[in-house]
N, C-alpha and C. Protein backbone atom coordinates (compact mmCIF):
# COMPACT_ATOMS: atom_id res chain seq x y z
N MET A 1 0.85 -1.17 0.00
CA MET A 1 0.00 0.00 0.00
C MET A 1 0.89 1.24 0.00
N PRO A 2 0.61 2.23 -0.86
CA PRO A 2 1.43 3.44 -0.88
C PRO A 2 1.28 4.24 0.40
N ARG A 3 2.36 4.88 0.80
CA ARG A 3 2.28 5.69 2.01
C ARG A 3 1.74 7.07 1.67
N ALA A 4 1.16 7.73 2.65
CA ALA A 4 0.58 9.06 2.46
C ALA A 4 1.69 10.07 2.19
N LEU A 5 1.39 11.07 1.38
CA LEU A 5 2.33 12.13 1.08
C LEU A 5 2.61 12.90 2.37
N ARG A 6 3.87 12.99 2.76
CA ARG A 6 4.22 13.60 4.04
C ARG A 6 4.28 15.12 3.98
N HIS A 7 4.99 15.64 3.00
CA HIS A 7 5.19 17.08 2.90
C HIS A 7 4.79 17.53 1.51
N TYR A 8 3.97 18.54 1.45
CA TYR A 8 3.55 19.04 0.16
C TYR A 8 3.31 20.53 0.27
N LEU A 9 4.06 21.30 -0.49
CA LEU A 9 3.88 22.75 -0.53
C LEU A 9 3.65 23.15 -1.97
N ASP A 10 2.63 23.97 -2.23
CA ASP A 10 2.42 24.46 -3.59
C ASP A 10 3.66 25.19 -4.05
N GLY A 11 4.02 24.97 -5.28
CA GLY A 11 5.16 25.65 -5.86
C GLY A 11 6.49 24.98 -5.59
N SER A 12 6.49 23.82 -4.98
CA SER A 12 7.74 23.15 -4.62
C SER A 12 8.33 22.38 -5.80
N PHE A 13 9.63 22.16 -5.72
CA PHE A 13 10.33 21.26 -6.61
C PHE A 13 10.99 20.20 -5.75
N TRP A 14 11.09 18.98 -6.28
CA TRP A 14 11.74 17.89 -5.56
C TRP A 14 12.77 17.25 -6.46
N PHE A 15 13.95 16.99 -5.90
CA PHE A 15 14.96 16.22 -6.61
C PHE A 15 14.88 14.81 -6.05
N VAL A 16 14.71 13.83 -6.93
CA VAL A 16 14.54 12.44 -6.52
C VAL A 16 15.57 11.60 -7.26
N ALA A 17 16.22 10.68 -6.55
CA ALA A 17 17.18 9.77 -7.18
C ALA A 17 17.01 8.40 -6.53
N ASP A 18 17.28 7.36 -7.30
CA ASP A 18 17.16 6.01 -6.76
C ASP A 18 18.07 5.07 -7.54
N PRO A 19 18.84 4.23 -6.82
CA PRO A 19 19.68 3.25 -7.50
C PRO A 19 18.92 1.96 -7.75
N CYS A 20 19.44 1.15 -8.66
CA CYS A 20 18.91 -0.19 -8.86
C CYS A 20 19.32 -1.07 -7.68
N ALA A 21 18.63 -2.16 -7.49
CA ALA A 21 18.96 -3.10 -6.43
C ALA A 21 20.39 -3.61 -6.63
N ALA A 22 21.17 -3.59 -5.56
CA ALA A 22 22.55 -4.09 -5.57
C ALA A 22 23.40 -3.39 -6.63
N GLU A 23 23.00 -2.18 -7.00
CA GLU A 23 23.71 -1.39 -8.01
C GLU A 23 23.92 -2.15 -9.32
N ALA A 24 23.00 -3.04 -9.63
CA ALA A 24 23.06 -3.80 -10.88
C ALA A 24 22.70 -2.90 -12.06
N TYR A 25 23.21 -3.22 -13.22
CA TYR A 25 22.92 -2.46 -14.44
C TYR A 25 21.65 -3.02 -15.09
N LEU A 26 20.50 -2.56 -14.58
CA LEU A 26 19.21 -3.12 -14.99
C LEU A 26 18.42 -2.22 -15.94
N LEU A 27 18.64 -0.92 -15.90
CA LEU A 27 17.75 -0.01 -16.62
C LEU A 27 18.02 0.02 -18.12
N LEU A 28 19.25 0.04 -18.55
CA LEU A 28 19.61 -0.03 -19.97
C LEU A 28 18.72 0.85 -20.86
N PRO A 29 18.78 2.19 -20.68
CA PRO A 29 17.88 3.08 -21.43
C PRO A 29 18.10 3.07 -22.94
N ASP A 30 19.21 2.50 -23.41
CA ASP A 30 19.45 2.46 -24.85
C ASP A 30 18.71 1.31 -25.54
N ARG A 31 18.12 0.41 -24.76
CA ARG A 31 17.33 -0.69 -25.35
C ARG A 31 15.87 -0.26 -25.42
N PRO A 32 15.26 -0.29 -26.61
CA PRO A 32 13.90 0.23 -26.79
C PRO A 32 12.86 -0.40 -25.86
N GLU A 33 12.93 -1.70 -25.64
CA GLU A 33 11.91 -2.34 -24.80
C GLU A 33 12.04 -1.90 -23.34
N ILE A 34 13.25 -1.70 -22.86
CA ILE A 34 13.45 -1.23 -21.49
C ILE A 34 13.03 0.24 -21.39
N ALA A 35 13.38 1.05 -22.39
CA ALA A 35 12.99 2.46 -22.40
C ALA A 35 11.46 2.60 -22.38
N ALA A 36 10.75 1.72 -23.11
CA ALA A 36 9.28 1.76 -23.13
C ALA A 36 8.71 1.43 -21.75
N ILE A 37 9.31 0.49 -21.05
CA ILE A 37 8.84 0.14 -19.70
C ILE A 37 9.06 1.31 -18.74
N ILE A 38 10.25 1.91 -18.79
CA ILE A 38 10.55 3.06 -17.93
C ILE A 38 9.57 4.19 -18.20
N GLU A 39 9.33 4.49 -19.48
CA GLU A 39 8.40 5.55 -19.84
C GLU A 39 6.99 5.24 -19.35
N GLY A 40 6.56 3.99 -19.48
CA GLY A 40 5.23 3.61 -19.03
C GLY A 40 5.05 3.75 -17.53
N VAL A 41 6.07 3.39 -16.78
CA VAL A 41 6.01 3.53 -15.32
C VAL A 41 5.90 5.00 -14.93
N TRP A 42 6.71 5.86 -15.56
CA TRP A 42 6.64 7.29 -15.25
C TRP A 42 5.29 7.89 -15.67
N ARG A 43 4.78 7.51 -16.83
CA ARG A 43 3.47 8.03 -17.26
C ARG A 43 2.37 7.66 -16.26
N GLU A 44 2.39 6.42 -15.78
CA GLU A 44 1.38 5.99 -14.80
C GLU A 44 1.50 6.78 -13.51
N GLY A 45 2.72 6.96 -13.03
CA GLY A 45 2.92 7.75 -11.80
C GLY A 45 2.46 9.19 -11.96
N LEU A 46 2.76 9.80 -13.11
CA LEU A 46 2.34 11.17 -13.34
C LEU A 46 0.83 11.29 -13.53
N ARG A 47 0.21 10.23 -13.99
CA ARG A 47 -1.25 10.22 -14.11
C ARG A 47 -1.90 10.17 -12.72
N ARG A 48 -1.28 9.46 -11.80
CA ARG A 48 -1.85 9.26 -10.46
C ARG A 48 -1.62 10.42 -9.50
N PHE A 49 -0.53 11.15 -9.66
CA PHE A 49 -0.14 12.16 -8.68
C PHE A 49 -0.05 13.53 -9.33
N PRO A 50 -0.40 14.60 -8.58
CA PRO A 50 -0.45 15.95 -9.15
C PRO A 50 0.93 16.61 -9.18
N VAL A 51 1.85 16.04 -9.94
CA VAL A 51 3.18 16.62 -10.10
C VAL A 51 3.52 16.67 -11.58
N GLU A 52 4.50 17.49 -11.91
CA GLU A 52 4.99 17.59 -13.28
C GLU A 52 6.42 17.07 -13.31
N LEU A 53 6.75 16.30 -14.31
CA LEU A 53 8.12 15.84 -14.50
C LEU A 53 8.87 16.93 -15.23
N CYS A 54 9.78 17.61 -14.53
CA CYS A 54 10.54 18.71 -15.12
C CYS A 54 11.79 18.20 -15.83
N SER A 55 12.39 17.17 -15.28
CA SER A 55 13.61 16.64 -15.87
C SER A 55 13.77 15.19 -15.42
N LEU A 56 14.28 14.35 -16.31
CA LEU A 56 14.51 12.94 -16.00
C LEU A 56 15.79 12.50 -16.67
N LEU A 57 16.66 11.85 -15.91
CA LEU A 57 17.90 11.29 -16.43
C LEU A 57 17.97 9.85 -15.97
N VAL A 58 17.98 8.92 -16.92
CA VAL A 58 18.02 7.50 -16.61
C VAL A 58 19.35 6.95 -17.08
N MET A 59 20.07 6.32 -16.18
CA MET A 59 21.33 5.67 -16.51
C MET A 59 21.19 4.18 -16.23
N SER A 60 22.19 3.41 -16.55
CA SER A 60 22.08 1.95 -16.45
C SER A 60 21.81 1.44 -15.04
N ASN A 61 22.34 2.13 -14.02
CA ASN A 61 22.16 1.60 -12.67
C ASN A 61 21.48 2.56 -11.70
N HIS A 62 21.01 3.72 -12.16
CA HIS A 62 20.24 4.63 -11.30
C HIS A 62 19.56 5.70 -12.16
N TRP A 63 18.69 6.47 -11.51
CA TRP A 63 18.00 7.55 -12.21
C TRP A 63 17.88 8.77 -11.31
N HIS A 64 17.69 9.94 -11.93
CA HIS A 64 17.47 11.20 -11.24
C HIS A 64 16.25 11.86 -11.88
N ALA A 65 15.45 12.53 -11.07
CA ALA A 65 14.29 13.26 -11.60
C ALA A 65 14.11 14.55 -10.81
N VAL A 66 13.60 15.57 -11.49
CA VAL A 66 13.17 16.81 -10.84
C VAL A 66 11.67 16.89 -11.06
N LEU A 67 10.92 16.93 -9.96
CA LEU A 67 9.47 17.00 -10.01
C LEU A 67 9.01 18.36 -9.50
N GLY A 68 7.96 18.90 -10.11
CA GLY A 68 7.41 20.17 -9.68
C GLY A 68 5.95 20.01 -9.32
N GLY A 69 5.56 20.65 -8.23
CA GLY A 69 4.17 20.60 -7.80
C GLY A 69 3.36 21.72 -8.42
N PRO A 70 2.04 21.60 -8.38
CA PRO A 70 1.19 22.66 -8.92
C PRO A 70 1.36 23.94 -8.11
N GLY A 71 1.08 25.06 -8.73
CA GLY A 71 1.16 26.33 -8.03
C GLY A 71 2.54 26.96 -8.07
N ARG A 72 3.43 26.44 -8.94
CA ARG A 72 4.76 27.02 -9.05
C ARG A 72 4.68 28.41 -9.65
N ASP A 73 5.70 29.19 -9.40
CA ASP A 73 5.81 30.54 -9.93
C ASP A 73 6.02 30.47 -11.44
N PRO A 74 5.18 31.12 -12.24
CA PRO A 74 5.33 31.08 -13.71
C PRO A 74 6.69 31.59 -14.17
N GLU A 75 7.31 32.50 -13.41
CA GLU A 75 8.63 32.99 -13.80
C GLU A 75 9.66 31.88 -13.74
N LEU A 76 9.53 30.95 -12.79
CA LEU A 76 10.45 29.82 -12.73
C LEU A 76 10.28 28.93 -13.95
N ASP A 77 9.05 28.74 -14.39
CA ASP A 77 8.82 27.96 -15.60
C ASP A 77 9.46 28.63 -16.81
N ALA A 78 9.37 29.97 -16.88
CA ALA A 78 9.96 30.70 -17.99
C ALA A 78 11.47 30.54 -17.99
N VAL A 79 12.09 30.58 -16.82
CA VAL A 79 13.53 30.40 -16.73
C VAL A 79 13.91 29.00 -17.21
N ARG A 80 13.11 28.03 -16.81
CA ARG A 80 13.39 26.65 -17.23
C ARG A 80 13.29 26.53 -18.75
N GLU A 81 12.30 27.17 -19.36
CA GLU A 81 12.13 27.10 -20.80
C GLU A 81 13.29 27.77 -21.52
N VAL A 82 13.73 28.92 -21.04
CA VAL A 82 14.85 29.63 -21.66
C VAL A 82 16.11 28.78 -21.54
N GLY A 83 16.25 28.09 -20.42
CA GLY A 83 17.43 27.26 -20.20
C GLY A 83 17.40 25.95 -20.95
N GLY A 84 16.36 25.69 -21.72
CA GLY A 84 16.28 24.46 -22.50
C GLY A 84 15.63 23.33 -21.74
N GLY A 85 14.72 23.64 -20.82
CA GLY A 85 14.09 22.63 -19.95
C GLY A 85 13.32 21.58 -20.72
N GLY A 86 12.40 20.95 -20.04
CA GLY A 86 11.61 19.90 -20.66
C GLY A 86 12.33 18.57 -20.66
N GLY A 87 13.29 18.40 -19.74
CA GLY A 87 13.93 17.11 -19.61
C GLY A 87 15.14 16.91 -20.51
N ASP A 88 15.63 17.97 -21.16
CA ASP A 88 16.77 17.84 -22.05
C ASP A 88 18.05 17.74 -21.21
N SER A 89 18.64 16.56 -21.14
CA SER A 89 19.82 16.36 -20.32
C SER A 89 21.08 16.92 -20.96
N ARG A 90 20.99 17.41 -22.20
CA ARG A 90 22.15 17.98 -22.87
C ARG A 90 22.26 19.48 -22.63
N ARG A 91 21.47 20.02 -21.72
CA ARG A 91 21.44 21.44 -21.44
C ARG A 91 22.83 21.93 -21.01
N ARG A 92 23.24 23.08 -21.54
CA ARG A 92 24.54 23.64 -21.17
C ARG A 92 24.42 24.43 -19.88
N ARG A 93 25.46 24.36 -19.05
CA ARG A 93 25.51 25.20 -17.86
C ARG A 93 25.98 26.58 -18.27
N ARG A 94 25.42 27.59 -17.62
CA ARG A 94 25.80 28.98 -17.93
C ARG A 94 26.53 29.58 -16.77
């Protein structure tokens, strides 16, 4: 059973990371069938919970995500768009 959401503030961002079990190389994002499973799991989670996926980086043995809650400041969204947001991991640092 999922646990209740502990902390939730409108306008918040969360950085989330998780390794694979025993640091095994299980995710293999370059394989289409594995990438489809990862995408399906994220789509289902985003359908169930009121958050936006701002950025996602999947590597062979772990992943990182930035999630944003509703009620964020529109100026922060504009900054993200100017910076090449939308999950583009090739974004340049300025």
